Amino acid sequence: VVRDNTTSAGINITGSGTPASTLTADIYGNIVTGCYKPGLNIDRQSNHGGTLRVCNNTFYDNNQRSGSWTGAGGEVMVHSDSDGMQVAFSNNLLAHHPGSGSRT
């Protein structure tokens, strides 16, 4: 999967939050680039338990929404209130080239 999304995250894991969602999923073998928000966003309302396996993906030059990394989330973003979610993250490439998009 090659993703170039100008309005959102490349891969957005989300749920209703009420009732609490339990998610078990694999994210495997994707190329995610040029997205407005992080390449992978694990949303605060989606993860109340469960397991997410993120393996062998490439995330680069995402999060194009601002000129600063401060508070922006980077290539991959996991919200701090994803209660009890276990994330296994292995063999992924994350890169952001200077000057890509609005960044310097």
C-alpha atoms as a PDB file:
ATOM      1  CA  VAL A   1       0.000   0.000   0.000  1.00  0.00           C
ATOM      2  CA  VAL A   2       1.392   3.405  -0.953  1.00  0.00           C
ATOM      3  CA  ARG A   3      -0.426   6.289   0.685  1.00  0.00           C
ATOM      4  CA  ASP A   4      -0.241   9.995  -0.094  1.00  0.00           C
ATOM      5  CA  ASN A   5      -3.006  11.589   1.963  1.00  0.00           C
ATOM      6  CA  THR A   6      -3.298  15.370   2.069  1.00  0.00           C
ATOM      7  CA  THR A   7      -5.900  15.582   4.871  1.00  0.00           C
ATOM      8  CA  SER A   8      -5.294  12.829   7.425  1.00  0.00           C
ATOM      9  CA  ALA A   9      -2.954  10.154   8.760  1.00  0.00           C
ATOM     10  CA  GLY A  10      -1.754   7.454   6.393  1.00  0.00           C
ATOM     11  CA  ILE A  11      -3.045   4.631   8.587  1.00  0.00           C
ATOM     12  CA  ASN A  12      -5.472   5.734  11.289  1.00  0.00           C
ATOM     13  CA  ILE A  13      -6.431   3.203  13.980  1.00  0.00           C
ATOM     14  CA  THR A  14      -9.551   4.475  15.709  1.00  0.00           C
ATOM     15  CA  GLY A  15     -12.737   3.294  17.403  1.00  0.00           C
ATOM     16  CA  SER A  16     -15.866   4.596  19.046  1.00  0.00           C
ATOM     17  CA  GLY A  17     -14.537   4.563  22.602  1.00  0.00           C
ATOM     18  CA  THR A  18     -18.044   3.832  23.938  1.00  0.00           C
ATOM     19  CA  PRO A  19     -18.216   1.003  24.696  1.00  0.00           C
ATOM     20  CA  ALA A  20     -14.476   0.532  24.964  1.00  0.00           C
ATOM     21  CA  SER A  21     -13.028  -1.139  21.876  1.00  0.00           C
ATOM     22  CA  THR A  22     -10.580  -4.037  21.991  1.00  0.00           C
ATOM     23  CA  LEU A  23      -8.421  -4.262  18.883  1.00  0.00           C
ATOM     24  CA  THR A  24      -6.086  -6.980  17.645  1.00  0.00           C
ATOM     25  CA  ALA A  25      -4.515  -6.301  14.259  1.00  0.00           C
ATOM     26  CA  ASP A  26      -1.418  -6.591  12.086  1.00  0.00           C
ATOM     27  CA  ILE A  27      -0.046  -3.686  10.066  1.00  0.00           C
ATOM     28  CA  TYR A  28       2.486  -5.312   7.779  1.00  0.00           C
ATOM     29  CA  GLY A  29       4.458  -4.357   4.667  1.00  0.00           C
ATOM     30  CA  ASN A  30       3.160  -0.841   3.941  1.00  0.00           C
ATOM     31  CA  ILE A  31       4.896   2.172   2.436  1.00  0.00           C
ATOM     32  CA  VAL A  32       3.344   5.346   3.852  1.00  0.00           C
ATOM     33  CA  THR A  33       4.566   8.751   2.676  1.00  0.00           C
ATOM     34  CA  GLY A  34       3.495  12.359   2.146  1.00  0.00           C
ATOM     35  CA  CYS A  35       0.591  12.390   4.601  1.00  0.00           C
ATOM     36  CA  TYR A  36      -0.730  15.533   6.295  1.00  0.00           C
ATOM     37  CA  LYS A  37      -0.697  13.833   9.717  1.00  0.00           C
ATOM     38  CA  PRO A  38       1.549  11.011  11.020  1.00  0.00           C
ATOM     39  CA  GLY A  39       2.074   7.958   8.825  1.00  0.00           C
ATOM     40  CA  LEU A  40       0.533   5.805  11.577  1.00  0.00           C
ATOM     41  CA  ASN A  41      -1.835   7.311  14.158  1.00  0.00           C
ATOM     42  CA  ILE A  42      -3.155   5.167  17.023  1.00  0.00           C
ATOM     43  CA  ASP A  43      -6.046   7.249  18.274  1.00  0.00           C
ATOM     44  CA  ARG A  44      -6.833   7.813  21.949  1.00  0.00           C
ATOM     45  CA  GLN A  45     -10.410   6.484  21.698  1.00  0.00           C
ATOM     46  CA  SER A  46      -9.676   3.186  20.007  1.00  0.00           C
ATOM     47  CA  ASN A  47      -7.472   1.142  22.223  1.00  0.00           C
ATOM     48  CA  HIS A  48      -8.711  -0.283  25.503  1.00  0.00           C
ATOM     49  CA  GLY A  49      -6.774  -3.548  25.518  1.00  0.00           C
ATOM     50  CA  GLY A  50      -5.761  -5.668  22.566  1.00  0.00           C
ATOM     51  CA  THR A  51      -2.596  -6.031  20.524  1.00  0.00           C
ATOM     52  CA  LEU A  52      -1.334  -4.149  17.503  1.00  0.00           C
ATOM     53  CA  ARG A  53       1.602  -5.667  15.591  1.00  0.00           C
ATOM     54  CA  VAL A  54       3.418  -3.164  13.344  1.00  0.00           C
ATOM     55  CA  CYS A  55       6.107  -4.933  11.282  1.00  0.00           C
ATOM     56  CA  ASN A  56       8.141  -4.375   8.100  1.00  0.00           C
ATOM     57  CA  ASN A  57       6.662  -0.976   7.183  1.00  0.00           C
ATOM     58  CA  THR A  58       8.241   2.193   5.813  1.00  0.00           C
ATOM     59  CA  PHE A  59       7.022   5.564   7.128  1.00  0.00           C
ATOM     60  CA  TYR A  60       8.722   8.620   5.635  1.00  0.00           C
ATOM     61  CA  ASP A  61       8.120  12.323   5.014  1.00  0.00           C
ATOM     62  CA  ASN A  62       4.741  12.267   6.778  1.00  0.00           C
ATOM     63  CA  ASN A  63       3.220  14.822   9.170  1.00  0.00           C
ATOM     64  CA  GLN A  64       3.394  17.688   6.688  1.00  0.00           C
ATOM     65  CA  ARG A  65       0.931  19.912   8.596  1.00  0.00           C
ATOM     66  CA  SER A  66       3.351  22.318  10.252  1.00  0.00           C
ATOM     67  CA  GLY A  67       6.875  23.659  10.174  1.00  0.00           C
ATOM     68  CA  SER A  68       7.799  22.281  13.597  1.00  0.00           C
ATOM     69  CA  TRP A  69       7.940  18.822  15.159  1.00  0.00           C
ATOM     70  CA  THR A  70       6.750  20.276  18.499  1.00  0.00           C
ATOM     71  CA  GLY A  71       3.497  18.522  19.418  1.00  0.00           C
ATOM     72  CA  ALA A  72       3.105  17.238  15.877  1.00  0.00           C
ATOM     73  CA  GLY A  73       3.443  13.510  16.485  1.00  0.00           C
ATOM     74  CA  GLY A  74       6.215  12.537  14.065  1.00  0.00           C
ATOM     75  CA  GLU A  75       6.071   9.602  11.661  1.00  0.00           C
ATOM     76  CA  VAL A  76       4.208   7.350  14.131  1.00  0.00           C
ATOM     77  CA  MET A  77       1.973   8.617  16.931  1.00  0.00           C
ATOM     78  CA  VAL A  78       0.497   6.630  19.840  1.00  0.00           C
ATOM     79  CA  HIS A  79      -1.764   8.676  22.114  1.00  0.00           C
ATOM     80  CA  SER A  80      -0.831   8.391  25.796  1.00  0.00           C
ATOM     81  CA  ASP A  81      -4.339   7.441  26.904  1.00  0.00           C
ATOM     82  CA  SER A  82      -4.608   4.287  24.762  1.00  0.00           C
ATOM     83  CA  ASP A  83      -5.500   2.197  27.831  1.00  0.00           C
ATOM     84  CA  GLY A  84      -3.903  -1.242  27.974  1.00  0.00           C
ATOM     85  CA  MET A  85      -3.011  -1.422  24.273  1.00  0.00           C
ATOM     86  CA  GLN A  86       0.102  -3.471  23.580  1.00  0.00           C
ATOM     87  CA  VAL A  87       2.068  -2.421  20.490  1.00  0.00           C
ATOM     88  CA  ALA A  88       4.758  -4.683  19.028  1.00  0.00           C
ATOM     89  CA  PHE A  89       6.886  -2.543  16.713  1.00  0.00           C
ATOM     90  CA  SER A  90       9.671  -4.264  14.756  1.00  0.00           C
ATOM     91  CA  ASN A  91      11.653  -3.993  11.512  1.00  0.00           C
ATOM     92  CA  ASN A  92      10.154  -0.643  10.490  1.00  0.00           C
ATOM     93  CA  LEU A  93      11.915   2.206   8.717  1.00  0.00           C
ATOM     94  CA  LEU A  94      11.074   5.748   9.854  1.00  0.00           C
ATOM     95  CA  ALA A  95      12.638   8.724   8.110  1.00  0.00           C
ATOM     96  CA  HIS A  96      11.995  12.390   7.562  1.00  0.00           C
ATOM     97  CA  HIS A  97      14.148  14.297   5.113  1.00  0.00           C
ATOM     98  CA  PRO A  98      15.109  17.901   5.926  1.00  0.00           C
ATOM     99  CA  GLY A  99      13.100  20.318   3.810  1.00  0.00           C
ATOM    100  CA  SER A 100      10.379  17.789   2.966  1.00  0.00           C
ATOM    101  CA  GLY A 101       6.958  19.416   2.801  1.00  0.00           C
ATOM    102  CA  SER A 102       6.798  22.490   5.027  1.00  0.00           C
ATOM    103  CA  ARG A 103       9.669  21.339   7.266  1.00  0.00           C
ATOM    104  CA  THR A 104      13.185  22.731   7.223  1.00  0.00           C
END
